[in-house]
N, C-alpha and C. Protein backbone atom coordinates (compact mmCIF):
# COMPACT_ATOMS: atom_id res chain seq x y z
N MET A 1 227.84 14.32 -33.45
CA MET A 1 226.77 13.58 -32.94
C MET A 1 225.52 14.44 -32.98
N PRO A 2 224.42 13.94 -33.45
CA PRO A 2 223.06 14.66 -33.58
C PRO A 2 222.59 14.97 -32.24
N SER A 3 221.87 15.93 -32.11
CA SER A 3 221.33 16.32 -30.83
C SER A 3 219.78 16.64 -30.89
N VAL A 4 219.09 16.22 -29.85
CA VAL A 4 217.66 16.41 -29.86
C VAL A 4 217.33 17.85 -29.45
N LEU A 5 218.18 18.57 -28.81
CA LEU A 5 217.97 19.90 -28.35
C LEU A 5 218.33 20.82 -29.56
N SER A 6 217.53 21.90 -29.60
CA SER A 6 217.82 22.99 -30.59
C SER A 6 218.97 23.85 -29.99
N ASP A 7 219.38 24.74 -30.91
CA ASP A 7 220.46 25.74 -30.38
C ASP A 7 219.95 26.61 -29.25
N ASP A 8 218.64 27.03 -29.41
CA ASP A 8 218.10 27.86 -28.29
C ASP A 8 217.95 27.09 -27.01
N ASP A 9 217.68 25.72 -27.07
CA ASP A 9 217.53 24.97 -25.84
C ASP A 9 219.00 24.83 -25.20
N LYS A 10 219.94 24.63 -26.11
CA LYS A 10 221.31 24.60 -25.59
C LYS A 10 221.71 25.82 -24.89
N GLU A 11 221.35 26.98 -25.40
CA GLU A 11 221.63 28.24 -24.83
C GLU A 11 221.09 28.43 -23.49
N ILE A 12 219.80 28.01 -23.26
CA ILE A 12 219.06 27.99 -21.99
C ILE A 12 219.87 27.14 -20.99
N VAL A 13 220.30 26.00 -21.46
CA VAL A 13 221.12 25.13 -20.46
C VAL A 13 222.41 25.76 -20.10
N ARG A 14 223.06 26.37 -21.01
CA ARG A 14 224.27 27.11 -20.71
C ARG A 14 224.10 28.16 -19.73
N ARG A 15 222.98 28.93 -19.90
CA ARG A 15 222.70 30.04 -18.98
C ARG A 15 222.46 29.52 -17.50
N MET A 16 221.79 28.42 -17.42
CA MET A 16 221.42 27.81 -16.08
C MET A 16 222.54 27.22 -15.39
N VAL A 17 223.64 26.78 -15.96
CA VAL A 17 224.76 26.12 -15.44
C VAL A 17 225.93 27.03 -15.53
N PRO A 18 226.39 27.57 -14.34
CA PRO A 18 227.52 28.49 -14.37
C PRO A 18 228.78 27.84 -14.85
N LYS A 19 229.42 28.37 -16.00
CA LYS A 19 230.55 27.76 -16.66
C LYS A 19 231.81 27.86 -15.90
N ALA A 20 231.97 28.87 -15.06
CA ALA A 20 233.24 29.16 -14.42
C ALA A 20 233.63 27.99 -13.44
N SER A 21 232.60 27.37 -12.87
CA SER A 21 232.89 26.32 -11.80
C SER A 21 232.36 24.98 -12.13
N ASN A 22 231.69 24.81 -13.30
CA ASN A 22 231.11 23.59 -13.69
C ASN A 22 231.44 23.17 -15.15
N LYS A 23 231.51 21.92 -15.54
CA LYS A 23 231.79 21.42 -16.83
C LYS A 23 230.58 20.44 -17.10
N ILE A 24 229.82 20.77 -18.24
CA ILE A 24 228.65 19.93 -18.54
C ILE A 24 229.29 18.67 -19.26
N GLN A 25 228.86 17.57 -18.77
CA GLN A 25 229.32 16.32 -19.25
C GLN A 25 228.31 15.66 -20.32
N ALA A 26 227.05 15.85 -20.04
CA ALA A 26 226.02 15.33 -20.91
C ALA A 26 224.66 16.03 -20.73
N VAL A 27 223.85 16.04 -21.73
CA VAL A 27 222.56 16.67 -21.66
C VAL A 27 221.58 15.76 -22.29
N ALA A 28 220.39 15.57 -21.84
CA ALA A 28 219.41 14.72 -22.55
C ALA A 28 217.96 15.31 -22.15
N VAL A 29 217.03 14.99 -23.01
CA VAL A 29 215.68 15.37 -22.71
C VAL A 29 215.06 14.31 -21.75
N ALA A 30 214.35 14.77 -20.68
CA ALA A 30 213.85 13.80 -19.70
C ALA A 30 212.50 14.30 -19.15
N ARG A 31 211.73 13.32 -18.61
CA ARG A 31 210.55 13.57 -17.89
C ARG A 31 210.73 12.89 -16.54
N LEU A 32 210.27 13.51 -15.37
CA LEU A 32 210.58 13.04 -14.09
C LEU A 32 209.30 12.23 -13.56
N TYR A 33 209.62 10.97 -13.14
CA TYR A 33 208.67 10.10 -12.46
C TYR A 33 209.05 9.84 -11.15
N ILE A 34 208.12 9.54 -10.28
CA ILE A 34 208.47 9.10 -8.88
C ILE A 34 207.60 7.95 -8.53
N ALA A 35 208.13 7.16 -7.66
CA ALA A 35 207.40 5.95 -7.13
C ALA A 35 206.99 6.42 -5.69
N TYR A 36 206.02 7.24 -5.54
CA TYR A 36 205.58 7.72 -4.28
C TYR A 36 204.10 8.11 -4.36
N PRO A 37 203.21 7.81 -3.56
CA PRO A 37 203.41 7.07 -2.26
C PRO A 37 203.43 5.62 -2.36
N ASN A 38 203.00 5.08 -3.52
CA ASN A 38 202.94 3.63 -3.79
C ASN A 38 204.29 3.31 -4.43
N ARG A 39 205.26 2.55 -3.76
CA ARG A 39 206.53 2.22 -4.28
C ARG A 39 206.53 1.22 -5.43
N SER A 40 205.36 0.67 -5.78
CA SER A 40 205.26 -0.34 -6.86
C SER A 40 204.62 0.37 -8.15
N LYS A 41 204.31 1.66 -8.10
CA LYS A 41 203.73 2.25 -9.29
C LYS A 41 204.47 3.64 -9.45
N TRP A 42 204.71 3.87 -10.78
CA TRP A 42 205.31 5.16 -11.10
C TRP A 42 204.46 6.14 -11.44
N THR A 43 204.61 7.46 -10.97
CA THR A 43 203.68 8.47 -11.29
C THR A 43 204.42 9.70 -11.89
N ASN A 44 203.85 10.20 -13.00
CA ASN A 44 204.45 11.40 -13.65
C ASN A 44 204.29 12.66 -12.71
N THR A 45 205.47 13.41 -12.49
CA THR A 45 205.36 14.61 -11.66
C THR A 45 204.90 15.78 -12.51
N GLY A 46 204.96 15.68 -13.78
CA GLY A 46 204.68 16.90 -14.68
C GLY A 46 205.91 17.65 -14.96
N PHE A 47 207.03 17.36 -14.40
CA PHE A 47 208.28 18.06 -14.69
C PHE A 47 209.01 17.48 -15.82
N GLU A 48 209.36 18.25 -16.81
CA GLU A 48 210.14 17.79 -17.92
C GLU A 48 210.99 18.86 -18.47
N GLY A 49 212.07 18.51 -19.20
CA GLY A 49 213.01 19.38 -19.67
C GLY A 49 214.30 18.72 -20.04
N ALA A 50 215.42 19.46 -19.85
CA ALA A 50 216.78 18.85 -20.24
C ALA A 50 217.37 18.46 -18.85
N VAL A 51 217.80 17.37 -18.73
CA VAL A 51 218.56 16.91 -17.47
C VAL A 51 220.12 16.99 -17.92
N VAL A 52 220.77 17.62 -16.94
CA VAL A 52 222.16 18.08 -17.21
C VAL A 52 223.11 17.29 -16.25
N LEU A 53 224.03 16.55 -16.73
CA LEU A 53 225.06 15.94 -15.83
C LEU A 53 226.30 16.86 -15.86
N CYS A 54 226.56 17.35 -14.69
CA CYS A 54 227.72 18.36 -14.67
C CYS A 54 228.82 17.88 -13.60
N ASN A 55 230.02 18.26 -13.90
CA ASN A 55 231.14 18.08 -12.94
C ASN A 55 231.46 19.37 -12.29
N ASP A 56 231.26 19.47 -10.97
CA ASP A 56 231.65 20.64 -10.18
C ASP A 56 233.12 20.63 -9.94
N LEU A 57 233.76 21.56 -10.74
CA LEU A 57 235.26 21.63 -10.82
C LEU A 57 235.90 22.06 -9.53
N ILE A 58 235.20 22.67 -8.62
CA ILE A 58 235.75 23.18 -7.38
C ILE A 58 235.75 22.05 -6.35
N GLY A 59 234.50 21.41 -6.20
CA GLY A 59 234.37 20.29 -5.25
C GLY A 59 234.68 18.99 -5.79
N ASN A 60 234.94 18.91 -7.07
CA ASN A 60 235.20 17.60 -7.82
C ASN A 60 234.11 16.59 -7.49
N THR A 61 232.82 17.05 -7.68
CA THR A 61 231.66 16.19 -7.59
C THR A 61 230.85 16.29 -8.85
N TYR A 62 230.02 15.35 -9.05
CA TYR A 62 229.03 15.37 -10.10
C TYR A 62 227.67 15.59 -9.58
N TRP A 63 226.73 16.16 -10.33
CA TRP A 63 225.40 16.48 -10.00
C TRP A 63 224.47 16.54 -11.21
N LEU A 64 223.21 16.38 -10.95
CA LEU A 64 222.15 16.32 -11.92
C LEU A 64 221.32 17.60 -11.73
N LYS A 65 220.85 18.19 -12.91
CA LYS A 65 219.89 19.35 -12.72
C LYS A 65 218.96 19.19 -13.84
N LEU A 66 217.67 19.42 -13.60
CA LEU A 66 216.58 19.41 -14.59
C LEU A 66 216.28 20.93 -14.98
N VAL A 67 216.54 21.22 -16.18
CA VAL A 67 216.39 22.61 -16.68
C VAL A 67 215.20 22.64 -17.55
N ASP A 68 214.20 23.62 -17.20
CA ASP A 68 212.94 23.76 -17.99
C ASP A 68 213.35 24.54 -19.23
N ILE A 69 213.18 23.89 -20.37
CA ILE A 69 213.43 24.46 -21.70
C ILE A 69 212.18 24.65 -22.49
N SER A 70 211.00 24.62 -21.77
CA SER A 70 209.65 24.89 -22.48
C SER A 70 209.57 26.36 -22.91
N VAL A 71 208.67 26.47 -23.90
CA VAL A 71 208.55 27.87 -24.49
C VAL A 71 207.95 28.82 -23.46
N SER A 72 207.16 28.39 -22.51
CA SER A 72 206.61 29.15 -21.45
C SER A 72 207.56 29.64 -20.54
N ASN A 73 208.87 29.11 -20.45
CA ASN A 73 209.89 29.54 -19.57
C ASN A 73 210.78 30.67 -20.16
N LEU A 74 210.70 30.94 -21.48
CA LEU A 74 211.52 31.84 -22.17
C LEU A 74 211.13 33.33 -21.82
N CYS A 75 212.06 34.07 -21.59
CA CYS A 75 211.88 35.51 -21.38
C CYS A 75 211.73 36.28 -22.75
N THR A 76 210.88 37.24 -22.86
CA THR A 76 210.88 37.94 -24.12
C THR A 76 211.28 39.23 -23.98
């Protein structure tokens, strides 16, 4: 299956999600919007990156995490 994320982006996601206790189910590029303070109008928060759906293997729960994959976040 083709991916929107580059190999470098995938590596960033893997580093941000501890593999020993979590299993990555899906990853997608996302931008976060909120309906606040006006519930009838969406507002861009300015946060964007890869949203990760994970299964916590210890607690048997699912959770979402937004990982910053922008170039400015990379360590040199």
